[in-house]
């Protein structure tokens, strides 16, 4: 999964659940951006880069989302 796909899926989940989601492009260095999901947040490495399995798991955990949310 690429960074933009992760962001799109989190935004879709937020719309389904009524949770506010926002992307803060100014809160990251280089290609890193801050993704806010309700009162939780995570840093997305890069929108065009492929995200590894461990990084995806950590980002899901930081946002309190499950593997089933991404299927």
N, C-alpha and C. Protein backbone atom coordinates (compact mmCIF):
# COMPACT_ATOMS: atom_id res chain seq x y z
N UNK A 1 0.85 -1.17 0.00
CA UNK A 1 0.00 0.00 0.00
C UNK A 1 0.89 1.24 0.00
N UNK A 2 0.54 2.17 -0.84
CA UNK A 2 1.28 3.43 -0.89
C UNK A 2 0.69 4.42 0.09
N UNK A 3 1.43 5.48 0.37
CA UNK A 3 1.01 6.47 1.35
C UNK A 3 -0.32 7.11 1.00
N UNK A 4 -0.54 7.45 -0.27
CA UNK A 4 -1.79 8.09 -0.68
C UNK A 4 -2.96 7.14 -0.53
N UNK A 5 -2.72 5.83 -0.73
CA UNK A 5 -3.79 4.85 -0.56
C UNK A 5 -4.19 4.74 0.91
N UNK A 6 -3.20 4.79 1.80
CA UNK A 6 -3.46 4.75 3.24
C UNK A 6 -4.29 5.97 3.65
N UNK A 7 -3.90 7.14 3.17
CA UNK A 7 -4.62 8.38 3.51
C UNK A 7 -6.05 8.31 2.99
N UNK A 8 -6.24 7.87 1.74
CA UNK A 8 -7.58 7.76 1.17
C UNK A 8 -8.44 6.81 1.98
N UNK A 9 -7.88 5.67 2.39
CA UNK A 9 -8.65 4.68 3.16
C UNK A 9 -9.03 5.24 4.53
N UNK A 10 -8.11 5.93 5.20
CA UNK A 10 -8.42 6.52 6.50
C UNK A 10 -9.51 7.58 6.34
N UNK A 11 -9.46 8.36 5.27
CA UNK A 11 -10.51 9.37 5.04
C UNK A 11 -11.86 8.70 4.80
N UNK A 12 -11.86 7.60 4.08
CA UNK A 12 -13.09 6.86 3.83
C UNK A 12 -13.66 6.29 5.14
N UNK A 13 -12.80 5.72 5.98
CA UNK A 13 -13.21 5.19 7.28
C UNK A 13 -13.78 6.32 8.13
N UNK A 14 -13.13 7.47 8.12
CA UNK A 14 -13.60 8.62 8.88
C UNK A 14 -14.98 9.07 8.44
N UNK A 15 -15.23 9.10 7.13
CA UNK A 15 -16.55 9.48 6.62
C UNK A 15 -17.61 8.48 7.07
N UNK A 16 -17.28 7.18 7.00
CA UNK A 16 -18.21 6.13 7.39
C UNK A 16 -18.57 6.22 8.87
N UNK A 17 -17.61 6.57 9.71
CA UNK A 17 -17.80 6.57 11.16
C UNK A 17 -18.09 7.96 11.73
N UNK A 18 -18.04 8.97 10.90
CA UNK A 18 -18.29 10.32 11.38
C UNK A 18 -17.14 10.89 12.19
N UNK A 19 -15.93 10.43 11.92
CA UNK A 19 -14.73 10.90 12.62
C UNK A 19 -14.03 11.92 11.72
N UNK A 20 -13.69 13.09 12.26
CA UNK A 20 -13.00 14.08 11.42
C UNK A 20 -11.57 13.62 11.08
N UNK A 21 -11.22 13.76 9.83
CA UNK A 21 -9.88 13.40 9.35
C UNK A 21 -9.32 14.62 8.63
N UNK A 22 -8.05 14.94 8.92
CA UNK A 22 -7.41 16.02 8.18
C UNK A 22 -5.95 15.70 7.97
N UNK A 23 -5.43 16.24 6.88
CA UNK A 23 -4.03 16.06 6.50
C UNK A 23 -3.34 17.40 6.70
N UNK A 24 -2.26 17.39 7.46
CA UNK A 24 -1.51 18.61 7.74
C UNK A 24 -0.16 18.52 7.03
N UNK A 25 -0.09 19.17 5.86
CA UNK A 25 1.13 19.12 5.04
C UNK A 25 2.28 19.93 5.65
N UNK A 26 1.96 20.87 6.51
CA UNK A 26 2.98 21.76 7.07
C UNK A 26 3.68 21.14 8.27
N UNK A 27 3.18 20.03 8.81
CA UNK A 27 3.72 19.44 10.02
C UNK A 27 4.66 18.27 9.74
N UNK A 28 5.35 18.27 8.63
CA UNK A 28 6.28 17.20 8.32
C UNK A 28 7.48 17.73 7.58
N UNK A 29 8.54 16.94 7.61
CA UNK A 29 9.76 17.32 6.90
C UNK A 29 9.83 16.55 5.59
N UNK A 30 10.18 17.23 4.54
CA UNK A 30 10.32 16.57 3.25
C UNK A 30 8.98 16.04 2.77
N UNK A 31 8.93 14.74 2.50
CA UNK A 31 7.70 14.13 2.00
C UNK A 31 6.81 13.62 3.13
N UNK A 32 7.22 13.76 4.38
CA UNK A 32 6.42 13.31 5.52
C UNK A 32 5.29 14.29 5.80
N UNK A 33 4.12 13.73 6.11
CA UNK A 33 2.97 14.58 6.46
C UNK A 33 2.28 14.02 7.70
N UNK A 34 1.55 14.87 8.40
CA UNK A 34 0.82 14.48 9.60
C UNK A 34 -0.62 14.19 9.22
N UNK A 35 -1.12 13.03 9.65
CA UNK A 35 -2.50 12.64 9.39
C UNK A 35 -3.24 12.58 10.72
N UNK A 36 -4.31 13.35 10.84
CA UNK A 36 -5.11 13.40 12.07
C UNK A 36 -6.39 12.62 11.85
N UNK A 37 -6.70 11.70 12.76
CA UNK A 37 -7.93 10.92 12.73
C UNK A 37 -8.60 11.11 14.08
N UNK A 38 -9.59 12.01 14.13
CA UNK A 38 -10.19 12.36 15.41
C UNK A 38 -9.16 13.04 16.28
N UNK A 39 -8.94 12.50 17.49
CA UNK A 39 -7.94 13.08 18.40
C UNK A 39 -6.61 12.33 18.32
N UNK A 40 -6.49 11.41 17.37
CA UNK A 40 -5.25 10.65 17.20
C UNK A 40 -4.52 11.14 15.97
N UNK A 41 -3.21 10.85 15.90
CA UNK A 41 -2.44 11.30 14.74
C UNK A 41 -1.29 10.34 14.47
N UNK A 42 -0.82 10.38 13.24
CA UNK A 42 0.33 9.59 12.82
C UNK A 42 1.04 10.34 11.71
N UNK A 43 2.28 9.97 11.47
CA UNK A 43 3.07 10.56 10.39
C UNK A 43 3.10 9.57 9.23
N UNK A 44 2.74 10.04 8.05
CA UNK A 44 2.79 9.22 6.84
C UNK A 44 4.10 9.54 6.14
N UNK A 45 4.88 8.50 5.86
CA UNK A 45 6.23 8.65 5.33
C UNK A 45 6.29 9.41 4.02
N UNK A 46 5.46 9.09 3.11
CA UNK A 46 5.44 9.76 1.81
C UNK A 46 4.25 9.28 1.03
N UNK A 47 3.60 10.17 0.32
CA UNK A 47 2.38 9.77 -0.38
C UNK A 47 2.66 8.84 -1.54
N UNK A 48 3.81 8.94 -2.16
CA UNK A 48 4.12 8.13 -3.34
C UNK A 48 4.90 6.86 -3.01
N UNK A 49 5.40 6.76 -1.81
CA UNK A 49 6.26 5.63 -1.44
C UNK A 49 5.45 4.44 -0.94
N UNK A 50 5.97 3.26 -1.21
CA UNK A 50 5.37 2.03 -0.71
C UNK A 50 5.66 1.92 0.79
N UNK A 51 4.63 1.63 1.58
CA UNK A 51 4.78 1.51 3.03
C UNK A 51 4.94 0.04 3.39
N UNK A 52 5.93 -0.26 4.22
CA UNK A 52 6.18 -1.63 4.64
C UNK A 52 5.11 -2.12 5.61
N UNK A 53 5.07 -3.43 5.80
CA UNK A 53 4.06 -4.05 6.66
C UNK A 53 4.17 -3.57 8.10
N UNK A 54 5.39 -3.47 8.61
CA UNK A 54 5.59 -3.02 9.98
C UNK A 54 5.18 -1.57 10.19
N UNK A 55 5.50 -0.73 9.23
CA UNK A 55 5.12 0.68 9.31
C UNK A 55 3.60 0.84 9.23
N UNK A 56 2.96 0.09 8.34
CA UNK A 56 1.51 0.13 8.24
C UNK A 56 0.85 -0.29 9.55
N UNK A 57 1.36 -1.35 10.15
CA UNK A 57 0.82 -1.82 11.43
C UNK A 57 0.98 -0.76 12.51
N UNK A 58 2.12 -0.10 12.56
CA UNK A 58 2.36 0.93 13.57
C UNK A 58 1.42 2.12 13.35
N UNK A 59 1.23 2.52 12.10
CA UNK A 59 0.35 3.65 11.82
C UNK A 59 -1.09 3.31 12.14
N UNK A 60 -1.53 2.09 11.82
CA UNK A 60 -2.89 1.65 12.18
C UNK A 60 -3.06 1.67 13.69
N UNK A 61 -2.05 1.20 14.41
CA UNK A 61 -2.11 1.16 15.87
C UNK A 61 -2.20 2.57 16.45
N UNK A 62 -1.44 3.50 15.91
CA UNK A 62 -1.46 4.88 16.38
C UNK A 62 -2.82 5.53 16.18
N UNK A 63 -3.55 5.10 15.14
CA UNK A 63 -4.87 5.66 14.86
C UNK A 63 -5.99 4.79 15.45
N UNK A 64 -5.64 3.71 16.13
CA UNK A 64 -6.60 2.77 16.72
C UNK A 64 -7.50 2.15 15.66
N UNK A 65 -6.93 1.77 14.54
CA UNK A 65 -7.65 1.09 13.48
C UNK A 65 -7.17 -0.34 13.40
N UNK A 66 -8.00 -1.23 12.86
CA UNK A 66 -7.65 -2.65 12.80
C UNK A 66 -7.32 -3.06 11.36
N UNK A 67 -6.81 -4.26 11.22
CA UNK A 67 -6.49 -4.81 9.90
C UNK A 67 -7.79 -4.95 9.09
N UNK A 68 -8.88 -5.33 9.75
CA UNK A 68 -10.16 -5.49 9.07
C UNK A 68 -10.66 -4.19 8.47
N UNK A 69 -10.30 -3.06 9.05
CA UNK A 69 -10.69 -1.76 8.50
C UNK A 69 -10.08 -1.53 7.12
N UNK A 70 -8.98 -2.19 6.82
CA UNK A 70 -8.26 -1.97 5.57
C UNK A 70 -8.48 -3.07 4.55
N UNK A 71 -9.48 -3.89 4.75
CA UNK A 71 -9.80 -4.95 3.77
C UNK A 71 -10.99 -4.60 2.95
